[in-house]
C-alpha atoms as a PDB file:
ATOM      1  CA  MET A   1     -24.792 110.215 -49.024  1.00  0.00           C
ATOM      2  CA  ALA A   2     -27.711 109.254 -51.771  1.00  0.00           C
ATOM      3  CA  VAL A   3     -31.066 108.563 -50.573  1.00  0.00           C
ATOM      4  CA  LEU A   4     -33.391 106.042 -51.992  1.00  0.00           C
ATOM      5  CA  LEU A   5     -36.894 106.033 -51.694  1.00  0.00           C
ATOM      6  CA  CYS A   6     -39.002 103.351 -53.087  1.00  0.00           C
ATOM      7  CA  LEU A   7     -42.909 103.191 -52.991  1.00  0.00           C
ATOM      8  CA  SER A   8     -44.753 100.003 -53.002  1.00  0.00           C
ATOM      9  CA  PRO A   9     -47.021  99.335 -56.306  1.00  0.00           C
ATOM     10  CA  ALA A  10     -49.903 100.090 -54.284  1.00  0.00           C
ATOM     11  CA  ALA A  11     -48.992 103.469 -53.206  1.00  0.00           C
ATOM     12  CA  VAL A  12     -48.186 104.426 -56.736  1.00  0.00           C
ATOM     13  CA  TRP A  13     -51.901 103.384 -57.875  1.00  0.00           C
ATOM     14  CA  ALA A  14     -53.643 104.926 -54.841  1.00  0.00           C
ATOM     15  CA  ASP A  15     -51.951 108.211 -55.712  1.00  0.00           C
ATOM     16  CA  GLN A  16     -53.201 107.871 -59.520  1.00  0.00           C
ATOM     17  CA  ALA A  17     -56.490 106.747 -58.668  1.00  0.00           C
ATOM     18  CA  PRO A  18     -59.769 108.900 -59.530  1.00  0.00           C
ATOM     19  CA  ALA A  19     -60.567 111.302 -56.578  1.00  0.00           C
ATOM     20  CA  SER A  20     -64.566 111.080 -55.794  1.00  0.00           C
ATOM     21  CA  SER A  21     -66.552 112.855 -52.920  1.00  0.00           C
ATOM     22  CA  GLU A  22     -70.236 112.597 -52.010  1.00  0.00           C
ATOM     23  CA  VAL A  23     -73.143 115.335 -51.200  1.00  0.00           C
ATOM     24  CA  SER A  24     -75.554 113.770 -49.295  1.00  0.00           C
ATOM     25  CA  ILE A  25     -78.961 115.489 -50.157  1.00  0.00           C
ATOM     26  CA  GLN A  26     -81.466 115.416 -47.084  1.00  0.00           C
ATOM     27  CA  LYS A  27     -84.042 117.338 -45.161  1.00  0.00           C
ATOM     28  CA  MET A  28     -84.136 119.679 -48.225  1.00  0.00           C
ATOM     29  CA  ALA A  29     -80.427 120.641 -47.706  1.00  0.00           C
ATOM     30  CA  PHE A  30     -77.221 119.688 -49.555  1.00  0.00           C
ATOM     31  CA  HIS A  31     -74.742 117.978 -46.798  1.00  0.00           C
ATOM     32  CA  PRO A  32     -71.975 119.341 -46.818  1.00  0.00           C
ATOM     33  CA  ALA A  33     -73.027 123.033 -47.963  1.00  0.00           C
ATOM     34  CA  THR A  34     -69.704 123.608 -49.326  1.00  0.00           C
ATOM     35  CA  LEU A  35     -67.215 121.073 -50.568  1.00  0.00           C
ATOM     36  CA  THR A  36     -63.308 121.458 -51.569  1.00  0.00           C
ATOM     37  CA  VAL A  37     -61.900 119.007 -53.795  1.00  0.00           C
ATOM     38  CA  ARG A  38     -59.159 118.881 -56.232  1.00  0.00           C
ATOM     39  CA  VAL A  39     -59.096 118.962 -60.066  1.00  0.00           C
ATOM     40  CA  GLY A  40     -60.216 115.713 -61.282  1.00  0.00           C
ATOM     41  CA  THR A  41     -62.633 114.705 -58.696  1.00  0.00           C
ATOM     42  CA  THR A  42     -66.184 113.415 -59.703  1.00  0.00           C
ATOM     43  CA  VAL A  43     -68.741 114.550 -57.032  1.00  0.00           C
ATOM     44  CA  THR A  44     -72.028 112.353 -56.716  1.00  0.00           C
ATOM     45  CA  TRP A  45     -74.820 113.766 -55.144  1.00  0.00           C
ATOM     46  CA  GLN A  46     -77.021 111.307 -53.471  1.00  0.00           C
ATOM     47  CA  ASN A  47     -80.555 111.600 -52.898  1.00  0.00           C
ATOM     48  CA  ASN A  48     -81.521 110.488 -49.455  1.00  0.00           C
ATOM     49  CA  GLU A  49     -84.628 112.104 -48.874  1.00  0.00           C
ATOM     50  CA  ALA A  50     -87.058 110.077 -46.778  1.00  0.00           C
ATOM     51  CA  GLY A  51     -90.160 110.338 -48.825  1.00  0.00           C
ATOM     52  CA  ALA A  52     -90.685 110.619 -52.374  1.00  0.00           C
ATOM     53  CA  THR A  53     -89.185 113.972 -52.997  1.00  0.00           C
ATOM     54  CA  TYR A  54     -87.032 114.609 -56.231  1.00  0.00           C
ATOM     55  CA  HIS A  55     -84.045 116.963 -56.530  1.00  0.00           C
ATOM     56  CA  ALA A  56     -81.819 118.126 -59.507  1.00  0.00           C
ATOM     57  CA  VAL A  57     -78.970 119.820 -59.496  1.00  0.00           C
ATOM     58  CA  ALA A  58     -78.142 122.869 -61.288  1.00  0.00           C
ATOM     59  CA  SER A  59     -74.770 125.263 -61.629  1.00  0.00           C
ATOM     60  CA  ASP A  60     -75.660 128.750 -61.528  1.00  0.00           C
ATOM     61  CA  GLU A  61     -73.415 129.518 -64.084  1.00  0.00           C
ATOM     62  CA  ALA A  62     -75.476 128.335 -67.331  1.00  0.00           C
ATOM     63  CA  GLY A  63     -74.190 125.364 -68.593  1.00  0.00           C
ATOM     64  CA  ALA A  64     -71.444 124.352 -66.478  1.00  0.00           C
ATOM     65  CA  PHE A  65     -73.555 121.235 -65.052  1.00  0.00           C
ATOM     66  CA  MET A  66     -77.048 120.174 -64.762  1.00  0.00           C
ATOM     67  CA  SER A  67     -78.808 116.950 -63.819  1.00  0.00           C
ATOM     68  CA  ALA A  68     -82.079 115.117 -64.350  1.00  0.00           C
ATOM     69  CA  ASP A  69     -84.509 115.056 -61.538  1.00  0.00           C
ATOM     70  CA  PHE A  70     -83.507 112.251 -59.401  1.00  0.00           C
ATOM     71  CA  PHE A  71     -85.471 110.397 -56.499  1.00  0.00           C
ATOM     72  CA  PRO A  72     -84.710 109.169 -53.225  1.00  0.00           C
ATOM     73  CA  GLY A  73     -82.039 106.122 -53.284  1.00  0.00           C
ATOM     74  CA  GLU A  74     -80.809 107.522 -56.716  1.00  0.00           C
ATOM     75  CA  ARG A  75     -77.421 109.582 -57.616  1.00  0.00           C
ATOM     76  CA  TRP A  76     -76.053 111.809 -60.377  1.00  0.00           C
ATOM     77  CA  SER A  77     -72.343 112.767 -60.607  1.00  0.00           C
ATOM     78  CA  HIS A  78     -70.143 115.277 -62.420  1.00  0.00           C
ATOM     79  CA  THR A  79     -66.449 115.355 -62.622  1.00  0.00           C
ATOM     80  CA  PHE A  80     -64.811 118.763 -62.119  1.00  0.00           C
ATOM     81  CA  THR A  81     -62.094 119.420 -64.621  1.00  0.00           C
ATOM     82  CA  THR A  82     -61.212 122.913 -64.172  1.00  0.00           C
ATOM     83  CA  PRO A  83     -60.146 124.705 -60.821  1.00  0.00           C
ATOM     84  CA  GLY A  84     -62.616 127.662 -59.209  1.00  0.00           C
ATOM     85  CA  THR A  85     -65.846 127.993 -57.311  1.00  0.00           C
ATOM     86  CA  TYR A  86     -69.356 126.244 -58.480  1.00  0.00           C
ATOM     87  CA  PRO A  87     -72.210 127.662 -56.545  1.00  0.00           C
ATOM     88  CA  TYR A  88     -75.280 125.387 -57.124  1.00  0.00           C
ATOM     89  CA  HIS A  89     -78.909 124.926 -56.395  1.00  0.00           C
ATOM     90  CA  CYS A  90     -81.477 122.425 -56.948  1.00  0.00           C
ATOM     91  CA  THR A  91     -83.729 123.688 -59.426  1.00  0.00           C
ATOM     92  CA  PRO A  92     -87.391 122.210 -58.251  1.00  0.00           C
ATOM     93  CA  HIS A  93     -86.273 124.186 -54.536  1.00  0.00           C
ATOM     94  CA  GLU A  94     -83.944 126.909 -55.865  1.00  0.00           C
ATOM     95  CA  ASN A  95     -85.089 129.556 -53.170  1.00  0.00           C
ATOM     96  CA  ARG A  96     -83.838 127.554 -49.988  1.00  0.00           C
ATOM     97  CA  MET A  97     -81.433 124.368 -51.463  1.00  0.00           C
ATOM     98  CA  LYS A  98     -77.881 125.759 -52.263  1.00  0.00           C
ATOM     99  CA  GLY A  99     -74.756 124.618 -52.061  1.00  0.00           C
ATOM    100  CA  THR A 100     -70.901 125.379 -53.756  1.00  0.00           C
ATOM    101  CA  ILE A 101     -68.450 123.188 -54.782  1.00  0.00           C
ATOM    102  CA  VAL A 102     -64.489 124.697 -54.858  1.00  0.00           C
ATOM    103  CA  VAL A 103     -62.435 122.571 -57.127  1.00  0.00           C
ATOM    104  CA  GLU A 104     -58.401 123.337 -56.324  1.00  0.00           C
ATOM    105  CA  PRO A 105     -55.217 122.619 -58.489  1.00  0.00           C
END
């Protein structure tokens, strides 16, 4: 007996849509501190501070990724194309603001 599986066009399209995920920056911390995503996901860091505090996101591995400074209400994005673990920090607040992006195949 043969089984026929039909997918609606919407189901196929949703499976091919680019993935995205967000890290909120609030109260001098990354939320979540560790985020796990799939290869090809675009991660966006959103500065949600209440005051005028600016932040910048930089990989602990030199050259992997680095943003310019961005202020409350602003955001910055990076697309992860290679599996791995990517620890990062806020360059102006390096001693207390750290996070990790885990990229799975």
